[in-house]
Amino acid sequence: MTTGGSLTDAGGLLLVASAPNLPVFFVTWSIAGTAMAATFYQPAFTALTRWHPLNTFAP
């Protein structure tokens, strides 16, 4: 999730930098902002706990 968010964010920020007008700027900034949210700690922690439940490591 974090890797995908980072790659999407990099592409989104490149699009923001090359936006020819204000509506395109807002749309691309929304894409970049959504990708930034995917790189936060909480979504990553949620994904990890779903992929590796706590009882998986129990003896």
PDB file of N, CA and C in Angstrom:
ATOM      1  N   MET A   1       0.823  -1.178   0.000  1.00  0.00           N
ATOM      2  CA  MET A   1       0.000   0.000   0.000  1.00  0.00           C
ATOM      3  C   MET A   1       0.874   1.250   0.000  1.00  0.00           C
ATOM      4  N   THR A   2       1.886   1.253   0.844  1.00  0.00           N
ATOM      5  CA  THR A   2       2.751   2.426   0.937  1.00  0.00           C
ATOM      6  C   THR A   2       3.548   2.612  -0.355  1.00  0.00           C
ATOM      7  N   THR A   3       4.020   1.534  -0.939  1.00  0.00           N
ATOM      8  CA  THR A   3       4.779   1.633  -2.187  1.00  0.00           C
ATOM      9  C   THR A   3       3.900   2.149  -3.317  1.00  0.00           C
ATOM     10  N   GLY A   4       2.720   1.605  -3.421  1.00  0.00           N
ATOM     11  CA  GLY A   4       1.786   2.076  -4.445  1.00  0.00           C
ATOM     12  C   GLY A   4       1.410   3.535  -4.251  1.00  0.00           C
ATOM     13  N   GLY A   5       1.197   3.932  -2.996  1.00  0.00           N
ATOM     14  CA  GLY A   5       0.891   5.328  -2.707  1.00  0.00           C
ATOM     15  C   GLY A   5       2.040   6.246  -3.064  1.00  0.00           C
ATOM     16  N   SER A   6       3.253   5.801  -2.791  1.00  0.00           N
ATOM     17  CA  SER A   6       4.427   6.610  -3.109  1.00  0.00           C
ATOM     18  C   SER A   6       4.596   6.781  -4.616  1.00  0.00           C
ATOM     19  N   LEU A   7       4.412   5.700  -5.356  1.00  0.00           N
ATOM     20  CA  LEU A   7       4.538   5.791  -6.812  1.00  0.00           C
ATOM     21  C   LEU A   7       3.439   6.658  -7.420  1.00  0.00           C
ATOM     22  N   THR A   8       2.211   6.492  -6.926  1.00  0.00           N
ATOM     23  CA  THR A   8       1.115   7.317  -7.407  1.00  0.00           C
ATOM     24  C   THR A   8       1.332   8.779  -7.043  1.00  0.00           C
ATOM     25  N   ASP A   9       1.860   9.015  -5.858  1.00  0.00           N
ATOM     26  CA  ASP A   9       2.123  10.379  -5.424  1.00  0.00           C
ATOM     27  C   ASP A   9       3.196  11.034  -6.287  1.00  0.00           C
ATOM     28  N   ALA A  10       4.236  10.292  -6.627  1.00  0.00           N
ATOM     29  CA  ALA A  10       5.288  10.851  -7.479  1.00  0.00           C
ATOM     30  C   ALA A  10       4.722  11.243  -8.842  1.00  0.00           C
ATOM     31  N   GLY A  11       3.922  10.372  -9.409  1.00  0.00           N
ATOM     32  CA  GLY A  11       3.285  10.701 -10.688  1.00  0.00           C
ATOM     33  C   GLY A  11       2.313  11.862 -10.571  1.00  0.00           C
ATOM     34  N   GLY A  12       1.558  11.875  -9.481  1.00  0.00           N
ATOM     35  CA  GLY A  12       0.604  12.967  -9.269  1.00  0.00           C
ATOM     36  C   GLY A  12       1.290  14.309  -9.111  1.00  0.00           C
ATOM     37  N   LEU A  13       2.407  14.327  -8.406  1.00  0.00           N
ATOM     38  CA  LEU A  13       3.127  15.586  -8.228  1.00  0.00           C
ATOM     39  C   LEU A  13       3.775  16.045  -9.526  1.00  0.00           C
ATOM     40  N   LEU A  14       4.201  15.117 -10.369  1.00  0.00           N
ATOM     41  CA  LEU A  14       4.703  15.504 -11.686  1.00  0.00           C
ATOM     42  C   LEU A  14       3.590  16.126 -12.526  1.00  0.00           C
ATOM     43  N   LEU A  15       2.395  15.558 -12.407  1.00  0.00           N
ATOM     44  CA  LEU A  15       1.255  16.141 -13.131  1.00  0.00           C
ATOM     45  C   LEU A  15       0.881  17.513 -12.570  1.00  0.00           C
ATOM     46  N   VAL A  16       0.967  17.676 -11.262  1.00  0.00           N
ATOM     47  CA  VAL A  16       0.691  18.985 -10.653  1.00  0.00           C
ATOM     48  C   VAL A  16       1.670  20.024 -11.189  1.00  0.00           C
ATOM     49  N   ALA A  17       2.942  19.641 -11.264  1.00  0.00           N
ATOM     50  CA  ALA A  17       3.970  20.579 -11.725  1.00  0.00           C
ATOM     51  C   ALA A  17       3.777  20.978 -13.186  1.00  0.00           C
ATOM     52  N   SER A  18       3.170  20.100 -13.972  1.00  0.00           N
ATOM     53  CA  SER A  18       2.999  20.400 -15.391  1.00  0.00           C
ATOM     54  C   SER A  18       1.564  20.784 -15.755  1.00  0.00           C
ATOM     55  N   ALA A  19       0.743  21.087 -14.770  1.00  0.00           N
ATOM     56  CA  ALA A  19      -0.662  21.432 -15.031  1.00  0.00           C
ATOM     57  C   ALA A  19      -0.753  22.725 -15.844  1.00  0.00           C
ATOM     58  N   PRO A  20      -1.443  22.678 -16.985  1.00  0.00           N
ATOM     59  CA  PRO A  20      -1.518  23.866 -17.838  1.00  0.00           C
ATOM     60  C   PRO A  20      -2.561  24.891 -17.398  1.00  0.00           C
ATOM     61  N   ASN A  21      -3.519  24.473 -16.570  1.00  0.00           N
ATOM     62  CA  ASN A  21      -4.554  25.411 -16.124  1.00  0.00           C
ATOM     63  C   ASN A  21      -5.044  25.008 -14.726  1.00  0.00           C
ATOM     64  N   LEU A  22      -5.872  25.850 -14.147  1.00  0.00           N
ATOM     65  CA  LEU A  22      -6.300  25.655 -12.765  1.00  0.00           C
ATOM     66  C   LEU A  22      -7.161  24.401 -12.554  1.00  0.00           C
ATOM     67  N   PRO A  23      -8.137  24.099 -13.422  1.00  0.00           N
ATOM     68  CA  PRO A  23      -8.915  22.869 -13.194  1.00  0.00           C
ATOM     69  C   PRO A  23      -8.052  21.598 -13.212  1.00  0.00           C
ATOM     70  N   VAL A  24      -7.094  21.529 -14.119  1.00  0.00           N
ATOM     71  CA  VAL A  24      -6.200  20.372 -14.169  1.00  0.00           C
ATOM     72  C   VAL A  24      -5.340  20.330 -12.906  1.00  0.00           C
ATOM     73  N   PHE A  25      -4.914  21.493 -12.445  1.00  0.00           N
ATOM     74  CA  PHE A  25      -4.135  21.574 -11.212  1.00  0.00           C
ATOM     75  C   PHE A  25      -4.922  21.002 -10.044  1.00  0.00           C
ATOM     76  N   PHE A  26      -6.197  21.368  -9.905  1.00  0.00           N
ATOM     77  CA  PHE A  26      -7.017  20.868  -8.797  1.00  0.00           C
ATOM     78  C   PHE A  26      -7.230  19.361  -8.886  1.00  0.00           C
ATOM     79  N   VAL A  27      -7.486  18.853 -10.083  1.00  0.00           N
ATOM     80  CA  VAL A  27      -7.710  17.408 -10.247  1.00  0.00           C
ATOM     81  C   VAL A  27      -6.440  16.634  -9.912  1.00  0.00           C
ATOM     82  N   THR A  28      -5.304  17.094 -10.432  1.00  0.00           N
ATOM     83  CA  THR A  28      -4.063  16.375 -10.165  1.00  0.00           C
ATOM     84  C   THR A  28      -3.636  16.510  -8.708  1.00  0.00           C
ATOM     85  N   TRP A  29      -3.949  17.636  -8.085  1.00  0.00           N
ATOM     86  CA  TRP A  29      -3.627  17.779  -6.664  1.00  0.00           C
ATOM     87  C   TRP A  29      -4.493  16.844  -5.830  1.00  0.00           C
ATOM     88  N   SER A  30      -5.726  16.612  -6.245  1.00  0.00           N
ATOM     89  CA  SER A  30      -6.597  15.658  -5.545  1.00  0.00           C
ATOM     90  C   SER A  30      -6.035  14.241  -5.656  1.00  0.00           C
ATOM     91  N   ILE A  31      -5.516  13.897  -6.828  1.00  0.00           N
ATOM     92  CA  ILE A  31      -4.898  12.583  -7.007  1.00  0.00           C
ATOM     93  C   ILE A  31      -3.678  12.449  -6.101  1.00  0.00           C
ATOM     94  N   ALA A  32      -2.834  13.487  -6.093  1.00  0.00           N
ATOM     95  CA  ALA A  32      -1.633  13.450  -5.252  1.00  0.00           C
ATOM     96  C   ALA A  32      -2.003  13.394  -3.769  1.00  0.00           C
ATOM     97  N   GLY A  33      -3.033  14.119  -3.365  1.00  0.00           N
ATOM     98  CA  GLY A  33      -3.456  14.116  -1.966  1.00  0.00           C
ATOM     99  C   GLY A  33      -3.989  12.764  -1.521  1.00  0.00           C
ATOM    100  N   THR A  34      -4.735  12.108  -2.384  1.00  0.00           N
ATOM    101  CA  THR A  34      -5.231  10.775  -2.073  1.00  0.00           C
ATOM    102  C   THR A  34      -4.072   9.793  -1.948  1.00  0.00           C
ATOM    103  N   ALA A  35      -3.093   9.929  -2.816  1.00  0.00           N
ATOM    104  CA  ALA A  35      -1.920   9.060  -2.740  1.00  0.00           C
ATOM    105  C   ALA A  35      -1.126   9.329  -1.469  1.00  0.00           C
ATOM    106  N   MET A  36      -1.035  10.588  -1.058  1.00  0.00           N
ATOM    107  CA  MET A  36      -0.333  10.911   0.188  1.00  0.00           C
ATOM    108  C   MET A  36      -1.019  10.254   1.381  1.00  0.00           C
ATOM    109  N   ALA A  37      -2.341  10.208   1.350  1.00  0.00           N
ATOM    110  CA  ALA A  37      -3.078   9.571   2.446  1.00  0.00           C
ATOM    111  C   ALA A  37      -2.767   8.080   2.524  1.00  0.00           C
ATOM    112  N   ALA A  38      -2.452   7.466   1.382  1.00  0.00           N
ATOM    113  CA  ALA A  38      -2.120   6.038   1.376  1.00  0.00           C
ATOM    114  C   ALA A  38      -0.761   5.754   1.999  1.00  0.00           C
ATOM    115  N   THR A  39       0.079   6.772   2.109  1.00  0.00           N
ATOM    116  CA  THR A  39       1.411   6.555   2.665  1.00  0.00           C
ATOM    117  C   THR A  39       1.478   6.843   4.158  1.00  0.00           C
ATOM    118  N   PHE A  40       0.366   7.211   4.769  1.00  0.00           N
ATOM    119  CA  PHE A  40       0.360   7.460   6.210  1.00  0.00           C
ATOM    120  C   PHE A  40       0.555   6.161   6.977  1.00  0.00           C
ATOM    121  N   TYR A  41       0.937   6.265   8.217  1.00  0.00           N
ATOM    122  CA  TYR A  41       1.222   5.106   9.061  1.00  0.00           C
ATOM    123  C   TYR A  41      -0.035   4.267   9.315  1.00  0.00           C
ATOM    124  N   GLN A  42      -1.171   4.909   9.568  1.00  0.00           N
ATOM    125  CA  GLN A  42      -2.380   4.168   9.931  1.00  0.00           C
ATOM    126  C   GLN A  42      -2.867   3.231   8.832  1.00  0.00           C
ATOM    127  N   PRO A  43      -2.965   3.664   7.562  1.00  0.00           N
ATOM    128  CA  PRO A  43      -3.365   2.698   6.539  1.00  0.00           C
ATOM    129  C   PRO A  43      -2.377   1.550   6.394  1.00  0.00           C
ATOM    130  N   ALA A  44      -1.095   1.848   6.506  1.00  0.00           N
ATOM    131  CA  ALA A  44      -0.089   0.796   6.392  1.00  0.00           C
ATOM    132  C   ALA A  44      -0.205  -0.188   7.559  1.00  0.00           C
ATOM    133  N   PHE A  45      -0.410   0.296   8.760  1.00  0.00           N
ATOM    134  CA  PHE A  45      -0.549  -0.575   9.924  1.00  0.00           C
ATOM    135  C   PHE A  45      -1.805  -1.430   9.797  1.00  0.00           C
ATOM    136  N   THR A  46      -2.886  -0.853   9.312  1.00  0.00           N
ATOM    137  CA  THR A  46      -4.120  -1.617   9.115  1.00  0.00           C
ATOM    138  C   THR A  46      -3.904  -2.737   8.106  1.00  0.00           C
ATOM    139  N   ALA A  47      -3.222  -2.442   7.029  1.00  0.00           N
ATOM    140  CA  ALA A  47      -2.954  -3.474   6.022  1.00  0.00           C
ATOM    141  C   ALA A  47      -2.090  -4.589   6.604  1.00  0.00           C
ATOM    142  N   LEU A  48      -1.071  -4.236   7.348  1.00  0.00           N
ATOM    143  CA  LEU A  48      -0.196  -5.261   7.939  1.00  0.00           C
ATOM    144  C   LEU A  48      -0.928  -6.149   8.929  1.00  0.00           C
ATOM    145  N   THR A  49      -1.785  -5.559   9.758  1.00  0.00           N
ATOM    146  CA  THR A  49      -2.506  -6.377  10.733  1.00  0.00           C
ATOM    147  C   THR A  49      -3.541  -7.274  10.058  1.00  0.00           C
ATOM    148  N   ARG A  50      -4.037  -6.894   8.899  1.00  0.00           N
ATOM    149  CA  ARG A  50      -4.963  -7.774   8.189  1.00  0.00           C
ATOM    150  C   ARG A  50      -4.215  -8.883   7.455  1.00  0.00           C
ATOM    151  N   TRP A  51      -3.034  -8.576   6.955  1.00  0.00           N
ATOM    152  CA  TRP A  51      -2.249  -9.595   6.259  1.00  0.00           C
ATOM    153  C   TRP A  51      -1.632 -10.584   7.232  1.00  0.00           C
ATOM    154  N   HIS A  52      -1.253 -10.102   8.425  1.00  0.00           N
ATOM    155  CA  HIS A  52      -0.596 -10.943   9.427  1.00  0.00           C
ATOM    156  C   HIS A  52      -1.324 -10.791  10.766  1.00  0.00           C
ATOM    157  N   PRO A  53      -2.419 -11.507  10.960  1.00  0.00           N
ATOM    158  CA  PRO A  53      -3.161 -11.397  12.215  1.00  0.00           C
ATOM    159  C   PRO A  53      -2.291 -11.782  13.417  1.00  0.00           C
ATOM    160  N   LEU A  54      -2.665 -11.283  14.573  1.00  0.00           N
ATOM    161  CA  LEU A  54      -1.878 -11.534  15.781  1.00  0.00           C
ATOM    162  C   LEU A  54      -1.793 -13.006  16.144  1.00  0.00           C
ATOM    163  N   ASN A  55      -2.849 -13.763  15.912  1.00  0.00           N
ATOM    164  CA  ASN A  55      -2.817 -15.162  16.288  1.00  0.00           C
ATOM    165  C   ASN A  55      -1.940 -15.998  15.373  1.00  0.00           C
ATOM    166  N   THR A  56      -1.432 -15.445  14.287  1.00  0.00           N
ATOM    167  CA  THR A  56      -0.530 -16.169  13.386  1.00  0.00           C
ATOM    168  C   THR A  56       0.784 -16.467  14.082  1.00  0.00           C
ATOM    169  N   PHE A  57       1.234 -15.563  14.945  1.00  0.00           N
ATOM    170  CA  PHE A  57       2.522 -15.701  15.601  1.00  0.00           C
ATOM    171  C   PHE A  57       2.441 -16.335  16.981  1.00  0.00           C
ATOM    172  N   ALA A  58       1.266 -16.766  17.377  1.00  0.00           N
ATOM    173  CA  ALA A  58       1.107 -17.382  18.690  1.00  0.00           C
ATOM    174  C   ALA A  58       1.742 -18.775  18.698  1.00  0.00           C
ATOM    175  N   PRO A  59       2.350 -19.146  19.820  1.00  0.00           N
ATOM    176  CA  PRO A  59       2.993 -20.475  19.897  1.00  0.00           C
ATOM    177  C   PRO A  59       1.982 -21.607  19.944  1.00  0.00           C
TER     178      PRO A  59
END
